[in-house]
N, C-alpha and C. Protein backbone atom coordinates (compact mmCIF):
# COMPACT_ATOMS: atom_id res chain seq x y z
N MET A 1 28.51 -21.72 -12.23
CA MET A 1 28.31 -21.60 -10.96
C MET A 1 28.26 -19.78 -10.78
N ASP A 2 26.73 -19.49 -11.12
CA ASP A 2 26.14 -18.09 -11.67
C ASP A 2 25.39 -17.81 -10.18
N THR A 3 25.85 -17.32 -9.40
CA THR A 3 24.88 -16.54 -8.09
C THR A 3 24.13 -15.50 -8.56
N GLU A 4 23.01 -15.43 -7.40
CA GLU A 4 22.28 -14.24 -7.55
C GLU A 4 23.02 -12.76 -7.17
N PRO A 5 22.58 -11.90 -8.04
CA PRO A 5 23.97 -10.56 -7.58
C PRO A 5 23.53 -10.07 -6.21
N THR A 6 24.43 -9.53 -5.69
CA THR A 6 23.91 -8.95 -4.44
C THR A 6 24.02 -7.32 -4.35
N PHE A 7 23.29 -6.68 -3.24
CA PHE A 7 23.41 -5.21 -3.29
C PHE A 7 23.77 -4.97 -1.78
N THR A 8 24.46 -3.56 -1.65
CA THR A 8 24.67 -3.42 -0.39
C THR A 8 24.01 -1.85 -0.07
N THR A 9 23.35 -1.77 0.92
CA THR A 9 22.96 -0.48 1.30
C THR A 9 23.53 0.32 2.34
N PHE A 10 23.86 1.53 2.28
CA PHE A 10 24.37 2.66 3.30
C PHE A 10 23.34 3.60 3.50
N GLU A 11 23.58 3.83 5.08
CA GLU A 11 23.19 4.85 5.56
C GLU A 11 24.23 5.84 6.00
N GLY A 12 24.47 7.07 5.41
CA GLY A 12 25.48 7.66 5.61
C GLY A 12 26.98 6.90 5.31
N HIS A 13 27.64 6.50 6.38
CA HIS A 13 29.07 5.94 6.18
C HIS A 13 28.67 4.34 6.96
N THR A 14 27.58 4.20 7.39
CA THR A 14 27.18 2.76 7.66
C THR A 14 26.62 1.87 6.90
N ARG A 15 27.25 0.71 6.86
CA ARG A 15 26.58 -0.41 6.18
C ARG A 15 25.39 -1.01 6.61
N ARG A 16 24.33 -0.79 5.94
CA ARG A 16 22.85 -1.41 6.61
C ARG A 16 22.49 -2.82 6.23
N LEU A 17 23.08 -3.10 5.14
CA LEU A 17 22.35 -4.48 4.57
C LEU A 17 23.18 -4.80 3.44
N THR A 18 23.39 -6.19 3.14
CA THR A 18 23.80 -6.49 1.63
C THR A 18 23.18 -7.92 1.75
N ALA A 19 22.33 -8.01 0.56
CA ALA A 19 21.16 -8.71 0.22
C ALA A 19 21.10 -8.91 -1.31
N SER A 20 20.01 -9.79 -1.50
CA SER A 20 19.66 -9.88 -2.98
C SER A 20 18.78 -8.52 -3.47
N LEU A 21 18.33 -8.69 -4.60
CA LEU A 21 17.77 -7.55 -5.12
C LEU A 21 16.28 -7.35 -4.49
N ALA A 22 15.82 -9.14 -4.33
CA ALA A 22 14.29 -8.99 -3.77
C ALA A 22 14.24 -8.49 -2.12
N GLU A 23 15.53 -8.78 -1.67
CA GLU A 23 15.36 -8.48 -0.19
C GLU A 23 15.61 -7.12 0.17
N ILE A 24 16.34 -6.42 -0.97
CA ILE A 24 16.85 -4.83 -0.65
C ILE A 24 15.52 -4.29 -1.17
N LEU A 25 14.58 -4.34 -2.27
CA LEU A 25 13.55 -3.84 -2.43
C LEU A 25 12.63 -4.01 -1.65
N THR A 26 12.22 -5.28 -1.07
CA THR A 26 11.58 -5.25 -0.02
C THR A 26 11.69 -4.44 1.01
N LEU A 27 12.77 -4.24 1.68
CA LEU A 27 13.20 -3.47 2.90
C LEU A 27 13.08 -1.78 2.28
N LEU A 28 13.50 -1.21 0.91
CA LEU A 28 13.00 0.27 0.65
C LEU A 28 11.71 0.23 0.75
N HIS A 29 11.20 -0.70 0.14
CA HIS A 29 9.48 -0.48 -0.21
C HIS A 29 8.79 -0.37 1.40
N ALA A 30 9.03 -1.23 2.27
CA ALA A 30 8.48 -1.15 3.33
C ALA A 30 8.82 0.08 4.40
N GLN A 31 10.16 0.50 4.16
CA GLN A 31 10.68 1.41 4.93
C GLN A 31 11.38 2.59 4.13
N PRO A 32 10.64 3.45 3.35
CA PRO A 32 11.52 4.34 2.63
C PRO A 32 12.11 5.21 3.30
N ARG A 33 13.30 5.62 3.09
CA ARG A 33 14.05 6.42 3.72
C ARG A 33 15.04 7.56 2.53
N ALA A 34 15.00 8.70 3.02
CA ALA A 34 15.75 9.61 2.15
C ALA A 34 17.45 9.03 2.16
N GLY A 35 17.88 9.02 2.99
CA GLY A 35 19.30 8.87 3.28
C GLY A 35 19.91 7.57 2.76
N LEU A 36 19.29 6.71 2.30
CA LEU A 36 19.96 5.33 1.82
C LEU A 36 20.43 5.51 0.42
N LEU A 37 21.44 4.88 0.35
CA LEU A 37 22.18 4.68 -0.89
C LEU A 37 22.73 3.13 -1.30
N THR A 38 22.28 2.49 -2.40
CA THR A 38 22.51 1.16 -2.75
C THR A 38 23.11 1.21 -3.69
N PHE A 39 24.15 0.16 -3.76
CA PHE A 39 25.27 -0.22 -4.72
C PHE A 39 25.07 -1.53 -5.05
N ASP A 40 25.58 -1.73 -6.39
CA ASP A 40 25.39 -3.01 -7.27
C ASP A 40 26.93 -3.49 -6.93
N ASP A 41 26.85 -4.71 -6.16
CA ASP A 41 28.24 -5.43 -5.83
C ASP A 41 29.13 -5.68 -6.88
N ARG A 42 28.77 -5.89 -7.92
CA ARG A 42 29.13 -6.75 -9.02
C ARG A 42 29.77 -5.37 -9.65
N THR A 43 29.17 -4.21 -9.99
CA THR A 43 29.99 -3.46 -10.97
C THR A 43 30.46 -2.17 -9.79
N GLY A 44 30.15 -1.95 -8.69
CA GLY A 44 30.21 -0.94 -7.73
C GLY A 44 29.46 0.27 -8.10
N ARG A 45 28.37 0.42 -9.02
CA ARG A 45 27.61 1.46 -9.31
C ARG A 45 26.36 1.66 -8.35
N SER A 46 26.31 2.88 -8.12
CA SER A 46 25.09 3.25 -7.08
C SER A 46 23.79 3.15 -8.22
N VAL A 47 22.89 2.73 -7.04
CA VAL A 47 21.47 2.23 -8.26
C VAL A 47 20.36 2.95 -7.55
N ASP A 48 19.54 3.44 -8.53
CA ASP A 48 18.53 3.99 -7.60
C ASP A 48 17.20 3.39 -8.37
N PHE A 49 16.49 3.30 -7.05
CA PHE A 49 15.20 2.22 -7.57
C PHE A 49 14.14 3.34 -7.94
N ASP A 50 13.44 2.95 -8.72
CA ASP A 50 12.04 3.50 -8.63
C ASP A 50 10.81 2.58 -7.82
N LEU A 51 10.61 3.35 -6.62
CA LEU A 51 9.62 2.58 -5.55
C LEU A 51 8.48 3.16 -5.74
N SER A 52 7.95 3.59 -6.72
CA SER A 52 6.26 4.04 -6.99
C SER A 52 5.86 2.66 -7.38
N GLY A 53 4.55 2.35 -6.89
CA GLY A 53 3.62 1.27 -7.28
C GLY A 53 3.98 0.12 -6.06
N THR A 54 3.12 -1.16 -6.30
CA THR A 54 3.49 -2.14 -5.33
C THR A 54 4.65 -2.94 -5.39
N LEU A 55 5.06 -3.80 -4.19
CA LEU A 55 6.36 -4.51 -4.49
C LEU A 55 6.49 -5.26 -5.80
N ASP A 56 5.46 -6.11 -5.93
CA ASP A 56 5.38 -6.72 -7.05
C ASP A 56 5.92 -6.10 -8.55
N GLU A 57 5.11 -5.05 -8.29
CA GLU A 57 5.59 -4.00 -9.86
C GLU A 57 7.06 -3.64 -9.72
N VAL A 58 7.49 -3.13 -8.43
CA VAL A 58 8.79 -2.43 -8.27
C VAL A 58 9.60 -3.75 -8.55
N LEU A 59 9.47 -5.12 -8.14
CA LEU A 59 10.64 -6.12 -8.69
C LEU A 59 10.54 -6.64 -10.02
N ALA A 60 9.32 -6.10 -10.60
CA ALA A 60 9.19 -6.60 -12.07
C ALA A 60 9.94 -5.53 -12.92
N ARG A 61 10.08 -4.31 -12.31
CA ARG A 61 10.74 -3.07 -13.21
C ARG A 61 12.48 -3.55 -13.03
N HIS A 62 12.40 -3.92 -11.89
CA HIS A 62 14.11 -4.04 -11.59
C HIS A 62 14.90 -5.20 -11.48
N ALA A 63 14.00 -6.36 -12.16
CA ALA A 63 14.56 -7.84 -12.25
C ALA A 63 15.73 -7.72 -13.31
N PRO A 64 16.88 -8.26 -13.21
CA PRO A 64 17.66 -8.55 -14.29
C PRO A 64 17.17 -9.16 -15.35
N GLU A 65 17.61 -8.57 -16.48
CA GLU A 65 17.26 -9.57 -18.11
C GLU A 65 17.43 -10.73 -18.06
N THR A 66 16.99 -11.32 -18.39
CA THR A 66 17.51 -12.75 -18.75
C THR A 66 18.16 -12.70 -20.23
N PRO A 67 19.42 -13.79 -20.10
CA PRO A 67 20.18 -13.52 -21.45
C PRO A 67 19.31 -14.08 -22.49
N ARG A 68 19.15 -13.62 -23.56
CA ARG A 68 18.84 -14.42 -24.95
C ARG A 68 19.61 -15.62 -25.22
N THR A 69 19.06 -16.77 -25.60
CA THR A 69 19.91 -17.60 -26.19
C THR A 69 19.19 -18.06 -27.62
N GLY A 70 20.25 -18.72 -28.37
CA GLY A 70 19.62 -19.19 -29.51
C GLY A 70 20.75 -18.58 -30.81
N PRO A 71 20.28 -18.87 -31.73
CA PRO A 71 20.78 -18.92 -33.18
C PRO A 71 21.43 -17.23 -33.00
N GLY A 72 22.59 -17.13 -33.69
CA GLY A 72 22.74 -15.66 -34.49
C GLY A 72 24.15 -15.63 -34.31
N ARG A 73 24.69 -14.40 -34.86
CA ARG A 73 26.14 -14.22 -35.02
C ARG A 73 26.47 -13.58 -33.31
N PRO A 74 27.95 -13.95 -32.89
CA PRO A 74 28.35 -13.40 -31.80
C PRO A 74 28.87 -12.01 -32.15
N LYS A 75 28.38 -11.09 -31.06
CA LYS A 75 28.85 -9.76 -31.50
C LYS A 75 30.25 -9.42 -31.22
N LEU A 76 30.65 -8.94 -32.49
CA LEU A 76 32.03 -8.34 -32.28
C LEU A 76 32.36 -7.04 -31.72
N GLY A 77 33.49 -6.86 -31.05
CA GLY A 77 33.95 -5.75 -30.75
C GLY A 77 34.15 -4.58 -31.75
N VAL A 78 34.05 -3.43 -31.39
CA VAL A 78 34.22 -2.06 -32.06
C VAL A 78 35.46 -1.66 -32.16
């Protein structure tokens, strides 16, 4: 049950939007604002998006990496 990660955007102390990556980037690309902060809901970390270029270029840059599958040794802890 792996759901798409969500992001929350705040302006000051007001929550503006909680949505998927594509929806957040569409909003930010269409209406750039200097005071918006975006956080990854899984990690709680602030996310800084590079919005230069077309929307498709921005989505390609910030899309989550696909996990690699295949043979190999599992990673061991340090």
